[in-house]
């Protein structure tokens, strides 16, 4: 997996917050604060414009943020905002929150799995997939389901960097490749 510079920088900040939360026993609170900040950034155009504005000097931004959020978020999240403002990296907030969630899931033994099928799977089917993958990985499995009619039938399962493609569409592609004579 190739990271762009923003992802790599976001990962560094998220790792530091994750380590701090682990050391202080505050991972859930930091996660709540980051999610609240991300939601505020995504839903409030005035906040987004203010927080992302390069025209405002850092001391003014930090003072306004402290007045606005000082009672609502804890020290680690506020510290992150101050660092982002000082380094003019405010736009990394969303990436940092996503990376923090990834680190937290790793620490707490959760694995996100993306399942693509032609139709919505029932809870019994999802339960069976969850159970089998939990046995293989030793982790709690969180399934994210996607519907794609092009799959035709079967499933595509993405587990981290691994893809298990058991779709009829994939099997047809393989059959087509096997039947086409190679030119040499």
Protein backbone atom coordinates (compact mmCIF):
# COMPACT_ATOMS: atom_id res chain seq x y z
CA UNK A 1 0.00 0.00 0.00
CA UNK A 2 1.43 3.36 -1.04
CA UNK A 3 0.84 6.33 1.23
CA UNK A 4 0.79 9.90 0.05
CA UNK A 5 2.60 12.50 2.15
CA UNK A 6 -0.63 13.65 3.85
CA UNK A 7 -1.50 10.08 4.85
CA UNK A 8 2.00 9.47 6.17
CA UNK A 9 1.93 12.68 8.23
CA UNK A 10 -1.59 11.91 9.48
CA UNK A 11 -0.42 8.45 10.50
CA UNK A 12 2.39 9.96 12.61
CA UNK A 13 -0.02 12.25 14.47
CA UNK A 14 -2.57 9.44 14.90
CA UNK A 15 0.09 7.07 16.24
CA UNK A 16 1.22 9.67 18.78
CA UNK A 17 -2.38 10.25 19.93
CA UNK A 18 -3.00 6.51 20.07
CA UNK A 19 0.13 5.94 22.16
CA UNK A 20 -0.85 8.78 24.50
CA UNK A 21 -4.38 7.41 24.85
CA UNK A 22 -3.04 3.93 25.57
CA UNK A 23 -0.59 5.26 28.19
CA UNK A 24 -3.22 7.41 29.90
CA UNK A 25 -6.15 5.03 29.44
CA UNK A 26 -8.06 7.64 27.46
CA UNK A 27 -8.39 6.03 24.00
CA UNK A 28 -12.21 6.15 24.02
CA UNK A 29 -12.28 9.82 25.05
CA UNK A 30 -9.73 10.83 22.41
CA UNK A 31 -11.73 8.90 19.80
CA UNK A 32 -14.93 10.69 20.86
CA UNK A 33 -13.21 14.08 20.63
CA UNK A 34 -11.73 13.34 17.21
CA UNK A 35 -15.09 12.13 15.90
CA UNK A 36 -16.83 15.24 17.24
CA UNK A 37 -14.20 17.49 15.64
CA UNK A 38 -14.43 15.65 12.34
CA UNK A 39 -18.23 15.93 12.37
CA UNK A 40 -18.02 19.65 13.21
CA UNK A 41 -15.54 20.14 10.36
CA UNK A 42 -17.73 18.19 7.90
CA UNK A 43 -21.11 19.69 8.83
CA UNK A 44 -20.39 23.30 9.81
CA UNK A 45 -19.24 25.43 6.88
CA UNK A 46 -18.38 28.36 9.18
CA UNK A 47 -16.13 26.20 11.35
CA UNK A 48 -14.51 24.61 8.28
CA UNK A 49 -13.82 28.03 6.76
CA UNK A 50 -12.44 29.39 10.04
CA UNK A 51 -10.30 26.34 10.87
CA UNK A 52 -8.90 25.99 7.36
CA UNK A 53 -8.29 29.67 6.72
CA UNK A 54 -4.65 30.52 6.07
CA UNK A 55 -5.41 34.24 6.59
CA UNK A 56 -5.88 33.95 10.35
CA UNK A 57 -2.75 33.97 12.48
CA UNK A 58 -2.18 30.89 14.70
CA UNK A 59 -2.56 32.66 18.09
CA UNK A 60 -5.97 34.03 17.09
CA UNK A 61 -7.14 30.65 15.80
CA UNK A 62 -5.99 28.87 18.96
CA UNK A 63 -7.67 31.45 21.21
CA UNK A 64 -10.98 31.19 19.35
CA UNK A 65 -10.83 27.38 19.39
CA UNK A 66 -10.11 27.37 23.10
CA UNK A 67 -13.06 29.70 23.72
CA UNK A 68 -15.31 27.65 21.44
CA UNK A 69 -14.25 24.11 22.39
CA UNK A 70 -12.18 24.36 25.55
CA UNK A 71 -14.89 22.90 27.80
CA UNK A 72 -16.02 20.28 25.27
CA UNK A 73 -12.79 18.49 24.28
CA UNK A 74 -9.93 17.19 26.39
CA UNK A 75 -6.29 18.23 26.38
CA UNK A 76 -4.98 15.68 23.79
CA UNK A 77 -7.47 16.75 21.10
CA UNK A 78 -6.94 20.43 21.84
CA UNK A 79 -3.18 19.86 21.72
CA UNK A 80 -3.55 18.24 18.32
CA UNK A 81 -5.51 21.25 17.05
CA UNK A 82 -2.78 23.58 18.31
CA UNK A 83 -0.06 21.56 16.59
CA UNK A 84 -2.02 21.45 13.33
CA UNK A 85 -2.54 25.21 13.47
CA UNK A 86 1.12 25.92 14.26
CA UNK A 87 2.28 23.75 11.37
CA UNK A 88 -0.53 24.91 9.03
CA UNK A 89 -1.77 21.34 8.63
CA UNK A 90 -5.41 21.88 9.62
CA UNK A 91 -6.72 20.01 6.61
CA UNK A 92 -5.23 16.74 7.93
CA UNK A 93 -7.82 16.50 10.72
CA UNK A 94 -10.05 14.04 8.85
CA UNK A 95 -7.11 11.80 7.88
CA UNK A 96 -5.78 11.85 11.43
CA UNK A 97 -9.16 10.79 12.82
CA UNK A 98 -9.36 7.92 10.32
CA UNK A 99 -5.82 6.76 11.09
CA UNK A 100 -6.49 7.01 14.83
CA UNK A 101 -9.51 4.73 14.40
CA UNK A 102 -7.31 2.25 12.52
CA UNK A 103 -4.70 2.22 15.31
CA UNK A 104 -7.41 1.85 17.94
CA UNK A 105 -8.94 -1.09 16.09
CA UNK A 106 -5.53 -2.75 15.93
CA UNK A 107 -4.98 -2.25 19.66
CA UNK A 108 -8.43 -3.53 20.55
CA UNK A 109 -8.36 -6.55 18.22
CA UNK A 110 -10.91 -5.46 15.63
CA UNK A 111 -10.65 -6.12 11.90
CA UNK A 112 -12.79 -4.33 9.31
CA UNK A 113 -13.89 -6.53 6.43
CA UNK A 114 -15.53 -5.29 3.24
CA UNK A 115 -17.92 -7.77 1.65
CA UNK A 116 -19.26 -7.13 -1.84
CA UNK A 117 -22.20 -9.15 -3.15
CA UNK A 118 -24.83 -8.83 -5.87
CA UNK A 119 -27.55 -8.51 -3.25
CA UNK A 120 -27.92 -7.71 0.43
CA UNK A 121 -26.78 -10.63 2.58
CA UNK A 122 -28.89 -11.87 5.45
CA UNK A 123 -27.74 -11.79 9.05
CA UNK A 124 -27.22 -15.57 9.02
CA UNK A 125 -24.83 -15.30 6.06
CA UNK A 126 -23.00 -12.36 7.61
CA UNK A 127 -22.76 -14.24 10.90
CA UNK A 128 -21.17 -17.22 9.17
CA UNK A 129 -18.65 -14.99 7.38
CA UNK A 130 -17.91 -13.16 10.63
CA UNK A 131 -17.41 -16.44 12.52
CA UNK A 132 -15.11 -18.00 9.91
CA UNK A 133 -12.97 -14.89 9.59
CA UNK A 134 -12.76 -14.49 13.37
CA UNK A 135 -11.38 -18.03 13.62
CA UNK A 136 -8.79 -17.33 10.93
CA UNK A 137 -7.71 -13.91 12.21
CA UNK A 138 -8.30 -14.23 15.94
CA UNK A 139 -9.96 -10.81 15.85
CA UNK A 140 -13.41 -9.34 16.24
CA UNK A 141 -14.75 -8.91 12.70
CA UNK A 142 -16.67 -5.78 11.68
CA UNK A 143 -18.38 -6.29 8.32
CA UNK A 144 -19.10 -3.48 5.88
CA UNK A 145 -21.42 -4.67 3.14
CA UNK A 146 -21.51 -3.29 -0.40
CA UNK A 147 -24.00 -4.21 -3.10
CA UNK A 148 -22.69 -4.45 -6.66
CA UNK A 149 -24.95 -6.15 -9.25
CA UNK A 150 -21.92 -6.61 -11.56
CA UNK A 151 -20.69 -9.30 -9.16
CA UNK A 152 -23.50 -11.53 -10.55
CA UNK A 153 -23.15 -14.05 -7.71
CA UNK A 154 -20.72 -15.11 -5.03
CA UNK A 155 -18.72 -12.75 -2.83
CA UNK A 156 -15.68 -10.52 -2.87
CA UNK A 157 -14.15 -10.17 0.59
CA UNK A 158 -11.49 -7.57 1.36
CA UNK A 159 -9.63 -8.21 4.60
CA UNK A 160 -6.90 -5.62 5.05
CA UNK A 161 -4.69 -5.86 1.96
CA UNK A 162 -6.00 -9.30 1.01
CA UNK A 163 -8.87 -9.85 -1.42
CA UNK A 164 -10.75 -13.11 -1.67
CA UNK A 165 -12.66 -12.95 -4.93
CA UNK A 166 -15.18 -15.78 -5.14
CA UNK A 167 -17.51 -13.98 -7.51
CA UNK A 168 -19.01 -15.59 -10.58
CA UNK A 169 -17.80 -12.59 -12.57
CA UNK A 170 -14.19 -13.35 -11.54
CA UNK A 171 -14.60 -17.03 -12.36
CA UNK A 172 -15.94 -16.12 -15.81
CA UNK A 173 -12.93 -13.84 -16.38
CA UNK A 174 -10.58 -16.67 -15.42
CA UNK A 175 -12.40 -19.10 -17.69
CA UNK A 176 -12.26 -16.60 -20.57
CA UNK A 177 -8.50 -16.17 -20.05
CA UNK A 178 -7.99 -19.92 -19.97
CA UNK A 179 -9.91 -20.41 -23.22
CA UNK A 180 -8.19 -17.65 -25.19
CA UNK A 181 -5.10 -19.07 -26.86
CA UNK A 182 -1.89 -17.32 -25.92
CA UNK A 183 0.07 -15.81 -28.74
CA UNK A 184 3.72 -16.45 -28.64
